[in-house]
Amino acid sequence: MSNTVALEVPQELYEALQAQAQKKGQEPDTLAIEWLTQAIQQASAIEDDPLIQLFGTLESDITDIAEQHDDYIGRELVHKLRGHK
């Protein structure tokens, strides 16, 4: 079963969708369904992440974890590989 959803989008958004669809050899509505499906799957995966329960429960003076997490992980890995505890 399928349903119809009508969306009113700004002209520039539709033009961007149309350009992306053309690059892929698809119709804009087909690409929009593909993107919507991916967005819903990603949202569901995030909701099912058990670590979400920890969000907001820890305090730290470090304010750039989101931007620098790879660097922090890398530093800690190097530290442990060198035999430090």
PDB file of N, CA and C in Angstrom:
ATOM      1  N   MET A   1       0.843  -1.173   0.000  1.00  0.00           N
ATOM      2  CA  MET A   1       0.000   0.000   0.000  1.00  0.00           C
ATOM      3  C   MET A   1       0.889   1.237   0.000  1.00  0.00           C
ATOM      4  N   SER A   2       0.476   2.238  -0.697  1.00  0.00           N
ATOM      5  CA  SER A   2       1.216   3.498  -0.686  1.00  0.00           C
ATOM      6  C   SER A   2       0.230   4.644  -0.455  1.00  0.00           C
ATOM      7  N   ASN A   3       0.769   5.735   0.022  1.00  0.00           N
ATOM      8  CA  ASN A   3      -0.020   6.926   0.309  1.00  0.00           C
ATOM      9  C   ASN A   3       0.600   8.104  -0.412  1.00  0.00           C
ATOM     10  N   THR A   4      -0.168   9.123  -0.610  1.00  0.00           N
ATOM     11  CA  THR A   4       0.307  10.336  -1.248  1.00  0.00           C
ATOM     12  C   THR A   4       0.492  11.419  -0.204  1.00  0.00           C
ATOM     13  N   VAL A   5       1.652  12.075  -0.276  1.00  0.00           N
ATOM     14  CA  VAL A   5       1.938  13.207   0.599  1.00  0.00           C
ATOM     15  C   VAL A   5       2.302  14.371  -0.310  1.00  0.00           C
ATOM     16  N   ALA A   6       1.595  15.462  -0.169  1.00  0.00           N
ATOM     17  CA  ALA A   6       1.895  16.647  -0.974  1.00  0.00           C
ATOM     18  C   ALA A   6       2.698  17.623  -0.113  1.00  0.00           C
ATOM     19  N   LEU A   7       3.852  18.023  -0.619  1.00  0.00           N
ATOM     20  CA  LEU A   7       4.706  18.960   0.104  1.00  0.00           C
ATOM     21  C   LEU A   7       4.871  20.225  -0.711  1.00  0.00           C
ATOM     22  N   GLU A   8       4.738  21.348  -0.053  1.00  0.00           N
ATOM     23  CA  GLU A   8       5.020  22.622  -0.702  1.00  0.00           C
ATOM     24  C   GLU A   8       6.398  23.058  -0.227  1.00  0.00           C
ATOM     25  N   VAL A   9       7.344  23.145  -1.164  1.00  0.00           N
ATOM     26  CA  VAL A   9       8.726  23.487  -0.816  1.00  0.00           C
ATOM     27  C   VAL A   9       9.133  24.758  -1.558  1.00  0.00           C
ATOM     28  N   PRO A  10      10.072  25.500  -0.984  1.00  0.00           N
ATOM     29  CA  PRO A  10      10.549  26.703  -1.673  1.00  0.00           C
ATOM     30  C   PRO A  10      11.160  26.340  -3.039  1.00  0.00           C
ATOM     31  N   GLN A  11      11.081  27.276  -3.962  1.00  0.00           N
ATOM     32  CA  GLN A  11      11.560  27.044  -5.324  1.00  0.00           C
ATOM     33  C   GLN A  11      13.013  26.583  -5.353  1.00  0.00           C
ATOM     34  N   GLU A  12      13.884  27.240  -4.550  1.00  0.00           N
ATOM     35  CA  GLU A  12      15.301  26.881  -4.572  1.00  0.00           C
ATOM     36  C   GLU A  12      15.542  25.460  -4.054  1.00  0.00           C
ATOM     37  N   LEU A  13      14.731  25.004  -3.106  1.00  0.00           N
ATOM     38  CA  LEU A  13      14.846  23.638  -2.607  1.00  0.00           C
ATOM     39  C   LEU A  13      14.423  22.649  -3.683  1.00  0.00           C
ATOM     40  N   TYR A  14      13.335  22.953  -4.372  1.00  0.00           N
ATOM     41  CA  TYR A  14      12.881  22.067  -5.441  1.00  0.00           C
ATOM     42  C   TYR A  14      13.907  22.006  -6.570  1.00  0.00           C
ATOM     43  N   GLU A  15      14.489  23.144  -6.906  1.00  0.00           N
ATOM     44  CA  GLU A  15      15.494  23.162  -7.967  1.00  0.00           C
ATOM     45  C   GLU A  15      16.708  22.332  -7.586  1.00  0.00           C
ATOM     46  N   ALA A  16      17.116  22.394  -6.312  1.00  0.00           N
ATOM     47  CA  ALA A  16      18.238  21.584  -5.843  1.00  0.00           C
ATOM     48  C   ALA A  16      17.886  20.099  -5.908  1.00  0.00           C
ATOM     49  N   LEU A  17      16.672  19.745  -5.501  1.00  0.00           N
ATOM     50  CA  LEU A  17      16.211  18.364  -5.573  1.00  0.00           C
ATOM     51  C   LEU A  17      16.178  17.891  -7.014  1.00  0.00           C
ATOM     52  N   GLN A  18      15.667  18.720  -7.871  1.00  0.00           N
ATOM     53  CA  GLN A  18      15.569  18.385  -9.291  1.00  0.00           C
ATOM     54  C   GLN A  18      16.963  18.176  -9.898  1.00  0.00           C
ATOM     55  N   ALA A  19      17.912  19.024  -9.540  1.00  0.00           N
ATOM     56  CA  ALA A  19      19.278  18.897 -10.061  1.00  0.00           C
ATOM     57  C   ALA A  19      19.921  17.597  -9.572  1.00  0.00           C
ATOM     58  N   GLN A  20      19.745  17.282  -8.294  1.00  0.00           N
ATOM     59  CA  GLN A  20      20.307  16.039  -7.757  1.00  0.00           C
ATOM     60  C   GLN A  20      19.666  14.813  -8.411  1.00  0.00           C
ATOM     61  N   ALA A  21      18.372  14.873  -8.604  1.00  0.00           N
ATOM     62  CA  ALA A  21      17.666  13.764  -9.245  1.00  0.00           C
ATOM     63  C   ALA A  21      18.154  13.572 -10.678  1.00  0.00           C
ATOM     64  N   GLN A  22      18.344  14.665 -11.379  1.00  0.00           N
ATOM     65  CA  GLN A  22      18.815  14.584 -12.765  1.00  0.00           C
ATOM     66  C   GLN A  22      20.203  13.948 -12.823  1.00  0.00           C
ATOM     67  N   LYS A  23      21.082  14.305 -11.885  1.00  0.00           N
ATOM     68  CA  LYS A  23      22.422  13.710 -11.836  1.00  0.00           C
ATOM     69  C   LYS A  23      22.358  12.202 -11.657  1.00  0.00           C
ATOM     70  N   LYS A  24      21.348  11.742 -10.918  1.00  0.00           N
ATOM     71  CA  LYS A  24      21.212  10.311 -10.640  1.00  0.00           C
ATOM     72  C   LYS A  24      20.315   9.608 -11.655  1.00  0.00           C
ATOM     73  N   GLY A  25      19.762  10.369 -12.576  1.00  0.00           N
ATOM     74  CA  GLY A  25      18.863   9.777 -13.560  1.00  0.00           C
ATOM     75  C   GLY A  25      17.534   9.351 -12.963  1.00  0.00           C
ATOM     76  N   GLN A  26      17.091  10.095 -11.955  1.00  0.00           N
ATOM     77  CA  GLN A  26      15.829   9.782 -11.274  1.00  0.00           C
ATOM     78  C   GLN A  26      14.867  10.960 -11.387  1.00  0.00           C
ATOM     79  N   GLU A  27      13.638  10.683 -11.067  1.00  0.00           N
ATOM     80  CA  GLU A  27      12.642  11.732 -10.952  1.00  0.00           C
ATOM     81  C   GLU A  27      12.778  12.357  -9.567  1.00  0.00           C
ATOM     82  N   PRO A  28      12.456  13.639  -9.416  1.00  0.00           N
ATOM     83  CA  PRO A  28      12.564  14.282  -8.104  1.00  0.00           C
ATOM     84  C   PRO A  28      11.773  13.573  -7.002  1.00  0.00           C
ATOM     85  N   ASP A  29      10.573  13.100  -7.322  1.00  0.00           N
ATOM     86  CA  ASP A  29       9.778  12.436  -6.290  1.00  0.00           C
ATOM     87  C   ASP A  29      10.414  11.120  -5.847  1.00  0.00           C
ATOM     88  N   THR A  30      11.054  10.407  -6.767  1.00  0.00           N
ATOM     89  CA  THR A  30      11.734   9.164  -6.412  1.00  0.00           C
ATOM     90  C   THR A  30      12.904   9.439  -5.483  1.00  0.00           C
ATOM     91  N   LEU A  31      13.682  10.470  -5.796  1.00  0.00           N
ATOM     92  CA  LEU A  31      14.817  10.828  -4.955  1.00  0.00           C
ATOM     93  C   LEU A  31      14.348  11.327  -3.587  1.00  0.00           C
ATOM     94  N   ALA A  32      13.272  12.088  -3.564  1.00  0.00           N
ATOM     95  CA  ALA A  32      12.732  12.585  -2.291  1.00  0.00           C
ATOM     96  C   ALA A  32      12.298  11.421  -1.404  1.00  0.00           C
ATOM     97  N   ILE A  33      11.687  10.407  -1.976  1.00  0.00           N
ATOM     98  CA  ILE A  33      11.282   9.220  -1.209  1.00  0.00           C
ATOM     99  C   ILE A  33      12.521   8.498  -0.680  1.00  0.00           C
ATOM    100  N   GLU A  34      13.561   8.389  -1.508  1.00  0.00           N
ATOM    101  CA  GLU A  34      14.813   7.752  -1.086  1.00  0.00           C
ATOM    102  C   GLU A  34      15.415   8.497   0.107  1.00  0.00           C
ATOM    103  N   TRP A  35      15.488   9.823  -0.001  1.00  0.00           N
ATOM    104  CA  TRP A  35      16.057  10.636   1.082  1.00  0.00           C
ATOM    105  C   TRP A  35      15.209  10.565   2.347  1.00  0.00           C
ATOM    106  N   LEU A  36      13.902  10.594   2.189  1.00  0.00           N
ATOM    107  CA  LEU A  36      13.012  10.503   3.345  1.00  0.00           C
ATOM    108  C   LEU A  36      13.168   9.154   4.039  1.00  0.00           C
ATOM    109  N   THR A  37      13.281   8.098   3.262  1.00  0.00           N
ATOM    110  CA  THR A  37      13.493   6.762   3.816  1.00  0.00           C
ATOM    111  C   THR A  37      14.790   6.710   4.616  1.00  0.00           C
ATOM    112  N   GLN A  38      15.864   7.263   4.057  1.00  0.00           N
ATOM    113  CA  GLN A  38      17.150   7.286   4.754  1.00  0.00           C
ATOM    114  C   GLN A  38      17.071   8.099   6.048  1.00  0.00           C
ATOM    115  N   ALA A  39      16.407   9.230   5.998  1.00  0.00           N
ATOM    116  CA  ALA A  39      16.280  10.082   7.181  1.00  0.00           C
ATOM    117  C   ALA A  39      15.519   9.365   8.297  1.00  0.00           C
ATOM    118  N   ILE A  40      14.465   8.651   7.942  1.00  0.00           N
ATOM    119  CA  ILE A  40      13.675   7.919   8.935  1.00  0.00           C
ATOM    120  C   ILE A  40      14.490   6.775   9.521  1.00  0.00           C
ATOM    121  N   GLN A  41      15.249   6.077   8.685  1.00  0.00           N
ATOM    122  CA  GLN A  41      16.094   4.982   9.174  1.00  0.00           C
ATOM    123  C   GLN A  41      17.167   5.510  10.127  1.00  0.00           C
ATOM    124  N   GLN A  42      17.778   6.634   9.790  1.00  0.00           N
ATOM    125  CA  GLN A  42      18.797   7.222  10.656  1.00  0.00           C
ATOM    126  C   GLN A  42      18.186   7.677  11.980  1.00  0.00           C
ATOM    127  N   ALA A  43      17.021   8.283  11.921  1.00  0.00           N
ATOM    128  CA  ALA A  43      16.353   8.730  13.146  1.00  0.00           C
ATOM    129  C   ALA A  43      16.006   7.542  14.033  1.00  0.00           C
ATOM    130  N   SER A  44      15.553   6.462  13.435  1.00  0.00           N
ATOM    131  CA  SER A  44      15.216   5.262  14.201  1.00  0.00           C
ATOM    132  C   SER A  44      16.459   4.661  14.840  1.00  0.00           C
ATOM    133  N   ALA A  45      17.571   4.647  14.108  1.00  0.00           N
ATOM    134  CA  ALA A  45      18.816   4.102  14.648  1.00  0.00           C
ATOM    135  C   ALA A  45      19.288   4.926  15.839  1.00  0.00           C
ATOM    136  N   ILE A  46      19.145   6.233  15.738  1.00  0.00           N
ATOM    137  CA  ILE A  46      19.551   7.106  16.847  1.00  0.00           C
ATOM    138  C   ILE A  46      18.663   6.873  18.063  1.00  0.00           C
ATOM    139  N   GLU A  47      17.367   6.739  17.844  1.00  0.00           N
ATOM    140  CA  GLU A  47      16.437   6.516  18.957  1.00  0.00           C
ATOM    141  C   GLU A  47      16.725   5.197  19.666  1.00  0.00           C
ATOM    142  N   ASP A  48      17.209   4.199  18.932  1.00  0.00           N
ATOM    143  CA  ASP A  48      17.471   2.881  19.504  1.00  0.00           C
ATOM    144  C   ASP A  48      18.852   2.774  20.152  1.00  0.00           C
ATOM    145  N   ASP A  49      19.664   3.814  20.077  1.00  0.00           N
ATOM    146  CA  ASP A  49      21.016   3.793  20.624  1.00  0.00           C
ATOM    147  C   ASP A  49      20.954   3.817  22.149  1.00  0.00           C
ATOM    148  N   PRO A  50      21.479   2.780  22.818  1.00  0.00           N
ATOM    149  CA  PRO A  50      21.406   2.741  24.279  1.00  0.00           C
ATOM    150  C   PRO A  50      22.218   3.842  24.962  1.00  0.00           C
ATOM    151  N   LEU A  51      23.172   4.424  24.265  1.00  0.00           N
ATOM    152  CA  LEU A  51      23.969   5.491  24.861  1.00  0.00           C
ATOM    153  C   LEU A  51      23.200   6.797  25.015  1.00  0.00           C
ATOM    154  N   ILE A  52      22.081   6.912  24.310  1.00  0.00           N
ATOM    155  CA  ILE A  52      21.284   8.132  24.412  1.00  0.00           C
ATOM    156  C   ILE A  52      20.828   8.358  25.855  1.00  0.00           C
ATOM    157  N   GLN A  53      20.648   7.286  26.599  1.00  0.00           N
ATOM    158  CA  GLN A  53      20.236   7.419  27.996  1.00  0.00           C
ATOM    159  C   GLN A  53      21.262   8.195  28.811  1.00  0.00           C
ATOM    160  N   LEU A  54      22.513   8.202  28.351  1.00  0.00           N
ATOM    161  CA  LEU A  54      23.571   8.902  29.087  1.00  0.00           C
ATOM    162  C   LEU A  54      23.671  10.381  28.729  1.00  0.00           C
ATOM    163  N   PHE A  55      23.038  10.797  27.655  1.00  0.00           N
ATOM    164  CA  PHE A  55      23.143  12.187  27.220  1.00  0.00           C
ATOM    165  C   PHE A  55      22.690  13.118  28.340  1.00  0.00           C
ATOM    166  N   GLY A  56      23.535  14.083  28.645  1.00  0.00           N
ATOM    167  CA  GLY A  56      23.204  15.073  29.646  1.00  0.00           C
ATOM    168  C   GLY A  56      23.444  14.638  31.079  1.00  0.00           C
ATOM    169  N   THR A  57      23.985  13.432  31.268  1.00  0.00           N
ATOM    170  CA  THR A  57      24.188  12.944  32.636  1.00  0.00           C
ATOM    171  C   THR A  57      25.608  13.166  33.141  1.00  0.00           C
ATOM    172  N   LEU A  58      26.514  13.540  32.266  1.00  0.00           N
ATOM    173  CA  LEU A  58      27.907  13.730  32.650  1.00  0.00           C
ATOM    174  C   LEU A  58      28.270  15.210  32.584  1.00  0.00           C
ATOM    175  N   GLU A  59      29.142  15.617  33.491  1.00  0.00           N
ATOM    176  CA  GLU A  59      29.602  17.000  33.488  1.00  0.00           C
ATOM    177  C   GLU A  59      31.093  17.023  33.198  1.00  0.00           C
ATOM    178  N   SER A  60      31.534  18.060  32.468  1.00  0.00           N
ATOM    179  CA  SER A  60      32.948  18.200  32.138  1.00  0.00           C
ATOM    180  C   SER A  60      33.249  19.651  31.810  1.00  0.00           C
ATOM    181  N   ASP A  61      34.491  20.029  32.055  1.00  0.00           N
ATOM    182  CA  ASP A  61      34.933  21.366  31.674  1.00  0.00           C
ATOM    183  C   ASP A  61      35.294  21.435  30.190  1.00  0.00           C
ATOM    184  N   ILE A  62      35.365  20.280  29.545  1.00  0.00           N
ATOM    185  CA  ILE A  62      35.698  20.225  28.119  1.00  0.00           C
ATOM    186  C   ILE A  62      34.450  20.609  27.328  1.00  0.00           C
ATOM    187  N   THR A  63      34.578  21.622  26.488  1.00  0.00           N
ATOM    188  CA  THR A  63      33.413  22.122  25.763  1.00  0.00           C
ATOM    189  C   THR A  63      33.450  21.831  24.264  1.00  0.00           C
ATOM    190  N   ASP A  64      34.527  21.194  23.788  1.00  0.00           N
ATOM    191  CA  ASP A  64      34.654  20.963  22.348  1.00  0.00           C
ATOM    192  C   ASP A  64      34.658  19.484  21.985  1.00  0.00           C
ATOM    193  N   ILE A  65      34.013  18.670  22.783  1.00  0.00           N
ATOM    194  CA  ILE A  65      34.030  17.219  22.538  1.00  0.00           C
ATOM    195  C   ILE A  65      33.414  16.879  21.184  1.00  0.00           C
ATOM    196  N   ALA A  66      32.339  17.525  20.816  1.00  0.00           N
ATOM    197  CA  ALA A  66      31.700  17.208  19.540  1.00  0.00           C
ATOM    198  C   ALA A  66      32.639  17.462  18.366  1.00  0.00           C
ATOM    199  N   GLU A  67      33.406  18.543  18.430  1.00  0.00           N
ATOM    200  CA  GLU A  67      34.293  18.896  17.330  1.00  0.00           C
ATOM    201  C   GLU A  67      35.608  18.128  17.380  1.00  0.00           C
ATOM    202  N   GLN A  68      36.076  17.777  18.572  1.00  0.00           N
ATOM    203  CA  GLN A  68      37.413  17.213  18.745  1.00  0.00           C
ATOM    204  C   GLN A  68      37.427  15.763  19.232  1.00  0.00           C
ATOM    205  N   HIS A  69      36.291  15.071  19.196  1.00  0.00           N
ATOM    206  CA  HIS A  69      36.259  13.733  19.791  1.00  0.00           C
ATOM    207  C   HIS A  69      37.262  12.774  19.157  1.00  0.00           C
ATOM    208  N   ASP A  70      37.461  12.858  17.836  1.00  0.00           N
ATOM    209  CA  ASP A  70      38.436  11.971  17.190  1.00  0.00           C
ATOM    210  C   ASP A  70      39.838  12.231  17.730  1.00  0.00           C
ATOM    211  N   ASP A  71      40.175  13.487  17.932  1.00  0.00           N
ATOM    212  CA  ASP A  71      41.482  13.847  18.465  1.00  0.00           C
ATOM    213  C   ASP A  71      41.655  13.302  19.881  1.00  0.00           C
ATOM    214  N   TYR A  72      40.632  13.467  20.713  1.00  0.00           N
ATOM    215  CA  TYR A  72      40.712  12.955  22.081  1.00  0.00           C
ATOM    216  C   TYR A  72      40.855  11.429  22.104  1.00  0.00           C
ATOM    217  N   ILE A  73      40.097  10.755  21.268  1.00  0.00           N
ATOM    218  CA  ILE A  73      40.180   9.291  21.199  1.00  0.00           C
ATOM    219  C   ILE A  73      41.571   8.874  20.720  1.00  0.00           C
ATOM    220  N   GLY A  74      42.076   9.556  19.703  1.00  0.00           N
ATOM    221  CA  GLY A  74      43.407   9.245  19.183  1.00  0.00           C
ATOM    222  C   GLY A  74      44.488   9.434  20.228  1.00  0.00           C
ATOM    223  N   ARG A  75      44.424  10.532  20.955  1.00  0.00           N
ATOM    224  CA  ARG A  75      45.415  10.782  22.009  1.00  0.00           C
ATOM    225  C   ARG A  75      45.386   9.687  23.072  1.00  0.00           C
ATOM    226  N   GLU A  76      44.189   9.305  23.477  1.00  0.00           N
ATOM    227  CA  GLU A  76      44.054   8.263  24.506  1.00  0.00           C
ATOM    228  C   GLU A  76      44.567   6.924  23.985  1.00  0.00           C
ATOM    229  N   LEU A  77      44.292   6.608  22.735  1.00  0.00           N
ATOM    230  CA  LEU A  77      44.769   5.363  22.149  1.00  0.00           C
ATOM    231  C   LEU A  77      46.300   5.330  22.115  1.00  0.00           C
ATOM    232  N   VAL A  78      46.922   6.409  21.684  1.00  0.00           N
ATOM    233  CA  VAL A  78      48.383   6.498  21.663  1.00  0.00           C
ATOM    234  C   VAL A  78      48.927   6.343  23.084  1.00  0.00           C
ATOM    235  N   HIS A  79      48.282   6.992  24.029  1.00  0.00           N
ATOM    236  CA  HIS A  79      48.695   6.930  25.434  1.00  0.00           C
ATOM    237  C   HIS A  79      48.668   5.464  25.922  1.00  0.00           C
ATOM    238  N   LYS A  80      47.590   4.741  25.626  1.00  0.00           N
ATOM    239  CA  LYS A  80      47.475   3.356  26.074  1.00  0.00           C
ATOM    240  C   LYS A  80      48.442   2.446  25.333  1.00  0.00           C
ATOM    241  N   LEU A  81      48.650   2.679  24.033  1.00  0.00           N
ATOM    242  CA  LEU A  81      49.563   1.841  23.262  1.00  0.00           C
ATOM    243  C   LEU A  81      51.008   2.006  23.734  1.00  0.00           C
ATOM    244  N   ARG A  82      51.300   3.126  24.311  1.00  0.00           N
ATOM    245  CA  ARG A  82      52.652   3.358  24.845  1.00  0.00           C
ATOM    246  C   ARG A  82      52.807   2.762  26.247  1.00  0.00           C
ATOM    247  N   GLY A  83      51.771   2.093  26.738  1.00  0.00           N
ATOM    248  CA  GLY A  83      51.857   1.404  28.013  1.00  0.00           C
ATOM    249  C   GLY A  83      51.448   2.205  29.214  1.00  0.00           C
ATOM    250  N   HIS A  84      50.872   3.353  29.012  1.00  0.00           N
ATOM    251  CA  HIS A  84      50.408   4.166  30.141  1.00  0.00           C
ATOM    252  C   HIS A  84      49.003   3.714  30.533  1.00  0.00           C
ATOM    253  N   LYS A  85      48.726   3.870  31.798  1.00  0.00           N
ATOM    254  CA  LYS A  85      47.375   3.459  32.269  1.00  0.00           C
ATOM    255  C   LYS A  85      46.454   4.619  32.364  1.00  0.00           C
TER     256      LYS A  85
END
